[in-house]
Amino acid sequence: MTPKLVIHLLTITACFLLFSISMLYSERYLFLIPLGMLGLFGQCYFTYRFTQILLTEPK
């Protein structure tokens, strides 16, 4: 596994945590809603990029 893939996996995990924590506390702190959306979009984007790298990387 290349360092680029490891960085993408860590970023996916961080975005998931950002989304989860933001949505958990968004009823009390409304400013967390945009952060949660950013985490969700980031998770989708980096999962897409991770899959692209896996499919195009020579074995």
N, C-alpha and C. Protein backbone atom coordinates (compact mmCIF):
# COMPACT_ATOMS: atom_id res chain seq x y z
N MET A 1 0.85 -1.17 0.00
CA MET A 1 0.00 0.00 0.00
C MET A 1 0.90 1.24 0.00
N THR A 2 0.67 2.09 -0.95
CA THR A 2 1.51 3.28 -1.10
C THR A 2 1.15 4.35 -0.07
N PRO A 3 2.07 5.27 0.19
CA PRO A 3 1.77 6.35 1.14
C PRO A 3 0.56 7.19 0.72
N LYS A 4 0.34 7.33 -0.58
CA LYS A 4 -0.82 8.10 -1.06
C LYS A 4 -2.12 7.43 -0.62
N LEU A 5 -2.17 6.10 -0.68
CA LEU A 5 -3.37 5.39 -0.26
C LEU A 5 -3.58 5.49 1.25
N VAL A 6 -2.49 5.43 1.99
CA VAL A 6 -2.59 5.56 3.45
C VAL A 6 -3.12 6.94 3.83
N ILE A 7 -2.62 7.98 3.15
CA ILE A 7 -3.10 9.33 3.42
C ILE A 7 -4.59 9.45 3.09
N HIS A 8 -5.02 8.83 1.99
CA HIS A 8 -6.44 8.87 1.63
C HIS A 8 -7.28 8.13 2.68
N LEU A 9 -6.80 7.00 3.16
CA LEU A 9 -7.55 6.27 4.19
C LEU A 9 -7.67 7.09 5.47
N LEU A 10 -6.59 7.75 5.87
CA LEU A 10 -6.65 8.59 7.07
C LEU A 10 -7.59 9.77 6.87
N THR A 11 -7.59 10.34 5.67
CA THR A 11 -8.48 11.46 5.39
C THR A 11 -9.93 11.02 5.39
N ILE A 12 -10.21 9.85 4.83
CA ILE A 12 -11.58 9.31 4.84
C ILE A 12 -12.05 9.13 6.28
N THR A 13 -11.18 8.59 7.13
CA THR A 13 -11.52 8.38 8.53
C THR A 13 -11.76 9.71 9.24
N ALA A 14 -10.89 10.70 8.98
CA ALA A 14 -11.06 12.01 9.62
C ALA A 14 -12.35 12.68 9.18
N CYS A 15 -12.69 12.58 7.89
CA CYS A 15 -13.94 13.17 7.40
C CYS A 15 -15.15 12.48 8.01
N PHE A 16 -15.06 11.15 8.18
CA PHE A 16 -16.16 10.42 8.80
C PHE A 16 -16.35 10.87 10.25
N LEU A 17 -15.24 11.03 10.97
CA LEU A 17 -15.33 11.49 12.36
C LEU A 17 -15.89 12.91 12.44
N LEU A 18 -15.45 13.77 11.53
CA LEU A 18 -15.98 15.14 11.49
C LEU A 18 -17.48 15.13 11.25
N PHE A 19 -17.92 14.32 10.30
CA PHE A 19 -19.35 14.22 10.01
C PHE A 19 -20.11 13.67 11.22
N SER A 20 -19.62 12.60 11.81
CA SER A 20 -20.33 11.96 12.92
C SER A 20 -20.45 12.88 14.13
N ILE A 21 -19.35 13.49 14.52
CA ILE A 21 -19.36 14.36 15.70
C ILE A 21 -20.22 15.60 15.44
N SER A 22 -20.11 16.14 14.24
CA SER A 22 -20.89 17.34 13.92
C SER A 22 -22.38 17.05 13.95
N MET A 23 -22.80 15.94 13.41
CA MET A 23 -24.22 15.62 13.40
C MET A 23 -24.72 15.23 14.79
N LEU A 24 -23.83 14.70 15.61
CA LEU A 24 -24.22 14.33 16.96
C LEU A 24 -24.57 15.57 17.80
N TYR A 25 -23.80 16.64 17.63
CA TYR A 25 -23.99 17.84 18.44
C TYR A 25 -24.63 19.00 17.68
N SER A 26 -25.16 18.76 16.49
CA SER A 26 -25.67 19.87 15.67
C SER A 26 -26.97 20.47 16.23
N GLU A 27 -27.71 19.73 17.04
CA GLU A 27 -28.93 20.31 17.61
C GLU A 27 -28.59 21.42 18.59
N ARG A 28 -27.51 21.26 19.30
CA ARG A 28 -27.12 22.26 20.29
C ARG A 28 -26.29 23.39 19.67
N TYR A 29 -25.40 23.04 18.75
CA TYR A 29 -24.50 24.02 18.12
C TYR A 29 -24.76 24.01 16.62
N LEU A 30 -25.50 24.99 16.15
CA LEU A 30 -25.92 25.00 14.74
C LEU A 30 -24.77 25.20 13.77
N PHE A 31 -23.67 25.81 14.22
CA PHE A 31 -22.55 26.01 13.30
C PHE A 31 -21.88 24.70 12.90
N LEU A 32 -22.22 23.62 13.57
CA LEU A 32 -21.63 22.32 13.23
C LEU A 32 -22.29 21.68 12.01
N ILE A 33 -23.46 22.16 11.61
CA ILE A 33 -24.15 21.57 10.46
C ILE A 33 -23.32 21.72 9.18
N PRO A 34 -22.79 22.92 8.85
CA PRO A 34 -21.95 23.01 7.65
C PRO A 34 -20.67 22.18 7.76
N LEU A 35 -20.12 22.08 8.97
CA LEU A 35 -18.93 21.24 9.14
C LEU A 35 -19.26 19.77 8.89
N GLY A 36 -20.42 19.34 9.33
CA GLY A 36 -20.85 17.97 9.07
C GLY A 36 -21.04 17.71 7.60
N MET A 37 -21.62 18.69 6.90
CA MET A 37 -21.78 18.54 5.45
C MET A 37 -20.43 18.48 4.76
N LEU A 38 -19.50 19.31 5.21
CA LEU A 38 -18.15 19.29 4.65
C LEU A 38 -17.49 17.93 4.89
N GLY A 39 -17.68 17.37 6.07
CA GLY A 39 -17.14 16.05 6.37
C GLY A 39 -17.74 14.97 5.49
N LEU A 40 -19.04 15.06 5.25
CA LEU A 40 -19.70 14.06 4.40
C LEU A 40 -19.22 14.16 2.96
N PHE A 41 -19.15 15.39 2.43
CA PHE A 41 -18.67 15.57 1.06
C PHE A 41 -17.20 15.17 0.94
N GLY A 42 -16.41 15.48 1.96
CA GLY A 42 -15.00 15.09 1.95
C GLY A 42 -14.84 13.58 1.95
N GLN A 43 -15.67 12.92 2.74
CA GLN A 43 -15.61 11.46 2.79
C GLN A 43 -15.96 10.86 1.43
N CYS A 44 -16.99 11.38 0.80
CA CYS A 44 -17.38 10.88 -0.53
C CYS A 44 -16.27 11.12 -1.55
N TYR A 45 -15.70 12.33 -1.54
CA TYR A 45 -14.67 12.66 -2.52
C TYR A 45 -13.43 11.80 -2.34
N PHE A 46 -12.94 11.66 -1.11
CA PHE A 46 -11.72 10.91 -0.90
C PHE A 46 -11.93 9.41 -1.07
N THR A 47 -13.14 8.92 -0.83
CA THR A 47 -13.43 7.52 -1.14
C THR A 47 -13.41 7.30 -2.65
N TYR A 48 -13.95 8.25 -3.40
CA TYR A 48 -13.92 8.19 -4.86
C TYR A 48 -12.48 8.21 -5.36
N ARG A 49 -11.65 9.12 -4.84
CA ARG A 49 -10.25 9.21 -5.27
C ARG A 49 -9.48 7.95 -4.88
N PHE A 50 -9.76 7.41 -3.68
CA PHE A 50 -9.09 6.19 -3.22
C PHE A 50 -9.40 5.04 -4.17
N THR A 51 -10.67 4.93 -4.57
CA THR A 51 -11.07 3.87 -5.49
C THR A 51 -10.41 4.06 -6.85
N GLN A 52 -10.35 5.31 -7.32
CA GLN A 52 -9.69 5.58 -8.60
C GLN A 52 -8.22 5.18 -8.56
N ILE A 53 -7.55 5.52 -7.49
CA ILE A 53 -6.12 5.18 -7.37
C ILE A 53 -5.95 3.67 -7.32
N LEU A 54 -6.81 2.98 -6.59
CA LEU A 54 -6.71 1.52 -6.51
C LEU A 54 -6.91 0.87 -7.88
N LEU A 55 -7.85 1.39 -8.66
CA LEU A 55 -8.15 0.78 -9.95
C LEU A 55 -7.09 1.08 -11.01
N THR A 56 -6.45 2.24 -10.92
CA THR A 56 -5.49 2.61 -11.96
C THR A 56 -4.04 2.32 -11.58
N GLU A 57 -3.79 1.98 -10.33
CA GLU A 57 -2.42 1.72 -9.91
C GLU A 57 -1.94 0.38 -10.47
N PRO A 58 -0.75 0.36 -11.06
CA PRO A 58 -0.24 -0.93 -11.56
C PRO A 58 0.06 -1.88 -10.41
N LYS A 59 -0.21 -3.12 -10.65
CA LYS A 59 -0.03 -4.12 -9.59
C LYS A 59 1.39 -4.63 -9.56
